[in-house]
PDB file of all heavy atoms in Angstrom:
ATOM      1  N   ILE A   1       0.873  -1.164   0.000  1.00  0.00           N
ATOM      2  CA  ILE A   1       0.000   0.000   0.000  1.00  0.00           C
ATOM      3  C   ILE A   1       0.912   1.215   0.000  1.00  0.00           C
ATOM      4  O   ILE A   1       1.533   1.524   1.018  1.00  0.00           O
ATOM      5  CB  ILE A   1      -0.929   0.013   1.227  1.00  0.00           C
ATOM      6  CG1 ILE A   1      -1.815  -1.239   1.257  1.00  0.00           C
ATOM      7  CG2 ILE A   1      -1.788   1.264   1.225  1.00  0.00           C
ATOM      8  CD1 ILE A   1      -2.713  -1.318   2.468  1.00  0.00           C
ATOM      9  N   GLY A   2       1.011   1.900  -1.140  1.00  0.00           N
ATOM     10  CA  GLY A   2       1.881   3.057  -1.224  1.00  0.00           C
ATOM     11  C   GLY A   2       3.328   2.696  -0.937  1.00  0.00           C
ATOM     12  O   GLY A   2       3.928   1.863  -1.596  1.00  0.00           O
ATOM     13  N   HIS A   3       3.895   3.311   0.110  1.00  0.00           N
ATOM     14  CA  HIS A   3       5.285   3.093   0.467  1.00  0.00           C
ATOM     15  C   HIS A   3       5.483   1.849   1.331  1.00  0.00           C
ATOM     16  O   HIS A   3       6.618   1.517   1.677  1.00  0.00           O
ATOM     17  CB  HIS A   3       5.829   4.301   1.232  1.00  0.00           C
ATOM     18  CG  HIS A   3       5.801   5.580   0.442  1.00  0.00           C
ATOM     19  ND1 HIS A   3       6.145   5.633  -0.890  1.00  0.00           N
ATOM     20  CD2 HIS A   3       5.460   6.846   0.802  1.00  0.00           C
ATOM     21  CE1 HIS A   3       6.027   6.892  -1.312  1.00  0.00           C
ATOM     22  NE2 HIS A   3       5.605   7.638  -0.313  1.00  0.00           N
ATOM     23  N   PHE A   4       4.396   1.151   1.687  1.00  0.00           N
ATOM     24  CA  PHE A   4       4.487   0.059   2.650  1.00  0.00           C
ATOM     25  C   PHE A   4       4.382  -1.296   1.950  1.00  0.00           C
ATOM     26  O   PHE A   4       3.644  -1.456   0.969  1.00  0.00           O
ATOM     27  CB  PHE A   4       3.381   0.186   3.699  1.00  0.00           C
ATOM     28  CG  PHE A   4       3.333   1.534   4.358  1.00  0.00           C
ATOM     29  CD1 PHE A   4       2.396   2.478   3.983  1.00  0.00           C
ATOM     30  CD2 PHE A   4       4.251   1.864   5.336  1.00  0.00           C
ATOM     31  CE1 PHE A   4       2.359   3.726   4.576  1.00  0.00           C
ATOM     32  CE2 PHE A   4       4.225   3.110   5.942  1.00  0.00           C
ATOM     33  CZ  PHE A   4       3.278   4.041   5.559  1.00  0.00           C
ATOM     34  N   ILE A   5       5.095  -2.288   2.502  1.00  0.00           N
ATOM     35  CA  ILE A   5       5.119  -3.611   1.894  1.00  0.00           C
ATOM     36  C   ILE A   5       5.615  -4.602   2.939  1.00  0.00           C
ATOM     37  O   ILE A   5       6.154  -4.214   3.984  1.00  0.00           O
ATOM     38  CB  ILE A   5       6.037  -3.606   0.649  1.00  0.00           C
ATOM     39  CG1 ILE A   5       5.790  -4.813  -0.242  1.00  0.00           C
ATOM     40  CG2 ILE A   5       7.501  -3.517   1.055  1.00  0.00           C
ATOM     41  CD1 ILE A   5       6.460  -4.716  -1.601  1.00  0.00           C
ATOM     42  N   ASN A   6       5.429  -5.881   2.692  1.00  0.00           N
ATOM     43  CA  ASN A   6       5.944  -6.901   3.607  1.00  0.00           C
ATOM     44  C   ASN A   6       7.461  -6.974   3.495  1.00  0.00           C
ATOM     45  O   ASN A   6       8.010  -7.181   2.417  1.00  0.00           O
ATOM     46  CB  ASN A   6       5.321  -8.260   3.285  1.00  0.00           C
ATOM     47  CG  ASN A   6       5.795  -9.339   4.240  1.00  0.00           C
ATOM     48  OD1 ASN A   6       6.875  -9.891   4.068  1.00  0.00           O
ATOM     49  ND2 ASN A   6       5.002  -9.618   5.256  1.00  0.00           N
ATOM     50  N   GLY A   7       8.158  -6.766   4.610  1.00  0.00           N
ATOM     51  CA  GLY A   7       9.614  -6.673   4.601  1.00  0.00           C
ATOM     52  C   GLY A   7      10.311  -7.933   4.122  1.00  0.00           C
ATOM     53  O   GLY A   7      11.202  -7.879   3.269  1.00  0.00           O
ATOM     54  N   LYS A   8       9.924  -9.091   4.647  1.00  0.00           N
ATOM     55  CA  LYS A   8      10.592 -10.339   4.295  1.00  0.00           C
ATOM     56  C   LYS A   8      10.339 -10.703   2.840  1.00  0.00           C
ATOM     57  O   LYS A   8      11.241 -11.177   2.143  1.00  0.00           O
ATOM     58  CB  LYS A   8      10.115 -11.461   5.211  1.00  0.00           C
ATOM     59  CG  LYS A   8      10.584 -11.321   6.653  1.00  0.00           C
ATOM     60  CD  LYS A   8      10.132 -12.508   7.487  1.00  0.00           C
ATOM     61  CE  LYS A   8      10.625 -12.381   8.927  1.00  0.00           C
ATOM     62  NZ  LYS A   8      10.183 -13.521   9.768  1.00  0.00           N
ATOM     63  N   GLU A   9       9.140 -10.490   2.369  1.00  0.00           N
ATOM     64  CA  GLU A   9       8.806 -10.881   1.001  1.00  0.00           C
ATOM     65  C   GLU A   9       9.510 -10.001  -0.028  1.00  0.00           C
ATOM     66  O   GLU A   9       9.918 -10.487  -1.082  1.00  0.00           O
ATOM     67  CB  GLU A   9       7.289 -10.837   0.799  1.00  0.00           C
ATOM     68  CG  GLU A   9       6.563 -11.938   1.546  1.00  0.00           C
ATOM     69  CD  GLU A   9       5.089 -12.020   1.189  1.00  0.00           C
ATOM     70  OE1 GLU A   9       4.704 -11.444   0.145  1.00  0.00           O
ATOM     71  OE2 GLU A   9       4.339 -12.642   1.940  1.00  0.00           O
ATOM     72  N   GLN A  10       9.673  -8.702   0.258  1.00  0.00           N
ATOM     73  CA  GLN A  10      10.357  -7.855  -0.713  1.00  0.00           C
ATOM     74  C   GLN A  10      11.828  -8.242  -0.813  1.00  0.00           C
ATOM     75  O   GLN A  10      12.413  -8.238  -1.898  1.00  0.00           O
ATOM     76  CB  GLN A  10      10.187  -6.379  -0.390  1.00  0.00           C
ATOM     77  CG  GLN A  10      10.857  -5.861   0.854  1.00  0.00           C
ATOM     78  CD  GLN A  10      10.795  -4.340   0.952  1.00  0.00           C
ATOM     79  OE1 GLN A  10      10.805  -3.630  -0.046  1.00  0.00           O
ATOM     80  NE2 GLN A  10      10.710  -3.840   2.177  1.00  0.00           N
ATOM     81  N   LEU A  11      12.444  -8.609   0.311  1.00  0.00           N
ATOM     82  CA  LEU A  11      13.844  -9.036   0.270  1.00  0.00           C
ATOM     83  C   LEU A  11      13.988 -10.389  -0.403  1.00  0.00           C
ATOM     84  O   LEU A  11      15.006 -10.674  -1.038  1.00  0.00           O
ATOM     85  CB  LEU A  11      14.420  -9.077   1.691  1.00  0.00           C
ATOM     86  CG  LEU A  11      14.569  -7.712   2.385  1.00  0.00           C
ATOM     87  CD1 LEU A  11      15.172  -7.894   3.768  1.00  0.00           C
ATOM     88  CD2 LEU A  11      15.429  -6.764   1.557  1.00  0.00           C
ATOM     89  N   ALA A  12      12.965 -11.249  -0.280  1.00  0.00           N
ATOM     90  CA  ALA A  12      13.001 -12.546  -0.954  1.00  0.00           C
ATOM     91  C   ALA A  12      13.002 -12.373  -2.466  1.00  0.00           C
ATOM     92  O   ALA A  12      13.650 -13.130  -3.199  1.00  0.00           O
ATOM     93  CB  ALA A  12      11.808 -13.392  -0.517  1.00  0.00           C
ATOM     94  N   VAL A  13      12.291 -11.358  -2.962  1.00  0.00           N
ATOM     95  CA  VAL A  13      12.260 -11.073  -4.397  1.00  0.00           C
ATOM     96  C   VAL A  13      13.586 -10.486  -4.856  1.00  0.00           C
ATOM     97  O   VAL A  13      14.143 -10.891  -5.876  1.00  0.00           O
ATOM     98  CB  VAL A  13      11.113 -10.090  -4.735  1.00  0.00           C
ATOM     99  CG1 VAL A  13      11.242  -9.579  -6.170  1.00  0.00           C
ATOM    100  CG2 VAL A  13       9.768 -10.773  -4.552  1.00  0.00           C
ATOM    101  N   LEU A  14      14.127  -9.548  -4.086  1.00  0.00           N
ATOM    102  CA  LEU A  14      15.321  -8.817  -4.497  1.00  0.00           C
ATOM    103  C   LEU A  14      16.600  -9.641  -4.353  1.00  0.00           C
ATOM    104  O   LEU A  14      17.556  -9.462  -5.108  1.00  0.00           O
ATOM    105  CB  LEU A  14      15.459  -7.532  -3.667  1.00  0.00           C
ATOM    106  CG  LEU A  14      14.363  -6.491  -3.859  1.00  0.00           C
ATOM    107  CD1 LEU A  14      14.501  -5.389  -2.827  1.00  0.00           C
ATOM    108  CD2 LEU A  14      14.402  -5.918  -5.266  1.00  0.00           C
ATOM    109  N   GLY A  15      16.647 -10.535  -3.373  1.00  0.00           N
ATOM    110  CA  GLY A  15      17.873 -11.286  -3.133  1.00  0.00           C
ATOM    111  C   GLY A  15      18.922 -10.398  -2.481  1.00  0.00           C
ATOM    112  O   GLY A  15      18.607  -9.547  -1.648  1.00  0.00           O
ATOM    113  N   SER A  16      20.173 -10.559  -2.878  1.00  0.00           N
ATOM    114  CA  SER A  16      21.268  -9.784  -2.319  1.00  0.00           C
ATOM    115  C   SER A  16      21.126  -8.308  -2.689  1.00  0.00           C
ATOM    116  O   SER A  16      21.227  -7.946  -3.851  1.00  0.00           O
ATOM    117  CB  SER A  16      22.614 -10.306  -2.819  1.00  0.00           C
ATOM    118  OG  SER A  16      23.665  -9.451  -2.432  1.00  0.00           O
ATOM    119  N   THR A  17      20.908  -7.469  -1.687  1.00  0.00           N
ATOM    120  CA  THR A  17      20.771  -6.038  -1.955  1.00  0.00           C
ATOM    121  C   THR A  17      22.121  -5.396  -2.267  1.00  0.00           C
ATOM    122  O   THR A  17      22.176  -4.307  -2.831  1.00  0.00           O
ATOM    123  CB  THR A  17      20.136  -5.320  -0.751  1.00  0.00           C
ATOM    124  OG1 THR A  17      20.945  -5.545   0.417  1.00  0.00           O
ATOM    125  CG2 THR A  17      18.738  -5.852  -0.488  1.00  0.00           C
ATOM    126  N   GLU A  18      23.198  -6.073  -1.914  1.00  0.00           N
ATOM    127  CA  GLU A  18      24.531  -5.532  -2.166  1.00  0.00           C
ATOM    128  C   GLU A  18      24.779  -5.372  -3.663  1.00  0.00           C
ATOM    129  O   GLU A  18      25.448  -4.428  -4.102  1.00  0.00           O
ATOM    130  CB  GLU A  18      25.587  -6.449  -1.551  1.00  0.00           C
ATOM    131  CG  GLU A  18      26.965  -5.816  -1.416  1.00  0.00           C
ATOM    132  CD  GLU A  18      26.975  -4.633  -0.451  1.00  0.00           C
ATOM    133  OE1 GLU A  18      26.169  -4.639   0.505  1.00  0.00           O
ATOM    134  OE2 GLU A  18      27.786  -3.710  -0.669  1.00  0.00           O
ATOM    135  N   LYS A  19      24.240  -6.280  -4.468  1.00  0.00           N
ATOM    136  CA  LYS A  19      24.414  -6.193  -5.912  1.00  0.00           C
ATOM    137  C   LYS A  19      23.746  -4.931  -6.468  1.00  0.00           C
ATOM    138  O   LYS A  19      24.288  -4.265  -7.344  1.00  0.00           O
ATOM    139  CB  LYS A  19      23.843  -7.440  -6.584  1.00  0.00           C
ATOM    140  CG  LYS A  19      24.598  -8.718  -6.253  1.00  0.00           C
ATOM    141  CD  LYS A  19      24.015  -9.912  -6.974  1.00  0.00           C
ATOM    142  CE  LYS A  19      24.808 -11.176  -6.673  1.00  0.00           C
ATOM    143  NZ  LYS A  19      24.259 -12.358  -7.384  1.00  0.00           N
ATOM    144  N   SER A  20      22.563  -4.616  -5.952  1.00  0.00           N
ATOM    145  CA  SER A  20      21.870  -3.401  -6.392  1.00  0.00           C
ATOM    146  C   SER A  20      22.632  -2.154  -5.952  1.00  0.00           C
ATOM    147  O   SER A  20      22.721  -1.171  -6.692  1.00  0.00           O
ATOM    148  CB  SER A  20      20.442  -3.376  -5.836  1.00  0.00           C
ATOM    149  OG  SER A  20      19.666  -4.428  -6.383  1.00  0.00           O
ATOM    150  N   LYS A  21      23.185  -2.189  -4.752  1.00  0.00           N
ATOM    151  CA  LYS A  21      23.972  -1.049  -4.266  1.00  0.00           C
ATOM    152  C   LYS A  21      25.181  -0.806  -5.157  1.00  0.00           C
ATOM    153  O   LYS A  21      25.543   0.337  -5.447  1.00  0.00           O
ATOM    154  CB  LYS A  21      24.417  -1.298  -2.827  1.00  0.00           C
ATOM    155  CG  LYS A  21      23.305  -1.191  -1.797  1.00  0.00           C
ATOM    156  CD  LYS A  21      23.860  -1.402  -0.394  1.00  0.00           C
ATOM    157  CE  LYS A  21      22.781  -1.272   0.648  1.00  0.00           C
ATOM    158  NZ  LYS A  21      23.309  -1.484   2.030  1.00  0.00           N
ATOM    159  N   ASN A  22      25.815  -1.900  -5.589  1.00  0.00           N
ATOM    160  CA  ASN A  22      26.991  -1.770  -6.447  1.00  0.00           C
ATOM    161  C   ASN A  22      26.646  -1.199  -7.817  1.00  0.00           C
ATOM    162  O   ASN A  22      27.542  -0.782  -8.555  1.00  0.00           O
ATOM    163  CB  ASN A  22      27.672  -3.129  -6.610  1.00  0.00           C
ATOM    164  CG  ASN A  22      28.318  -3.619  -5.314  1.00  0.00           C
ATOM    165  OD1 ASN A  22      28.625  -2.825  -4.427  1.00  0.00           O
ATOM    166  ND2 ASN A  22      28.489  -4.923  -5.200  1.00  0.00           N
ATOM    167  N   LEU A  23      25.353  -1.182  -8.139  1.00  0.00           N
ATOM    168  CA  LEU A  23      24.897  -0.629  -9.416  1.00  0.00           C
ATOM    169  C   LEU A  23      24.286   0.765  -9.233  1.00  0.00           C
ATOM    170  O   LEU A  23      23.531   1.242 -10.065  1.00  0.00           O
ATOM    171  CB  LEU A  23      23.886  -1.574 -10.061  1.00  0.00           C
ATOM    172  CG  LEU A  23      24.475  -2.929 -10.487  1.00  0.00           C
ATOM    173  CD1 LEU A  23      23.368  -3.893 -10.887  1.00  0.00           C
ATOM    174  CD2 LEU A  23      25.460  -2.765 -11.624  1.00  0.00           C
ATOM    175  N   GLY A  24      24.636   1.408  -8.122  1.00  0.00           N
ATOM    176  CA  GLY A  24      24.237   2.793  -7.911  1.00  0.00           C
ATOM    177  C   GLY A  24      22.859   3.008  -7.331  1.00  0.00           C
ATOM    178  O   GLY A  24      22.350   4.136  -7.349  1.00  0.00           O
TER     179      GLY A  24
END
């Protein structure tokens, strides 16, 4: 809903956030 989402599920989709950080 807007800016809010299930925390665990969004990280499950994204995987390693470090890779996204390395891409700016």
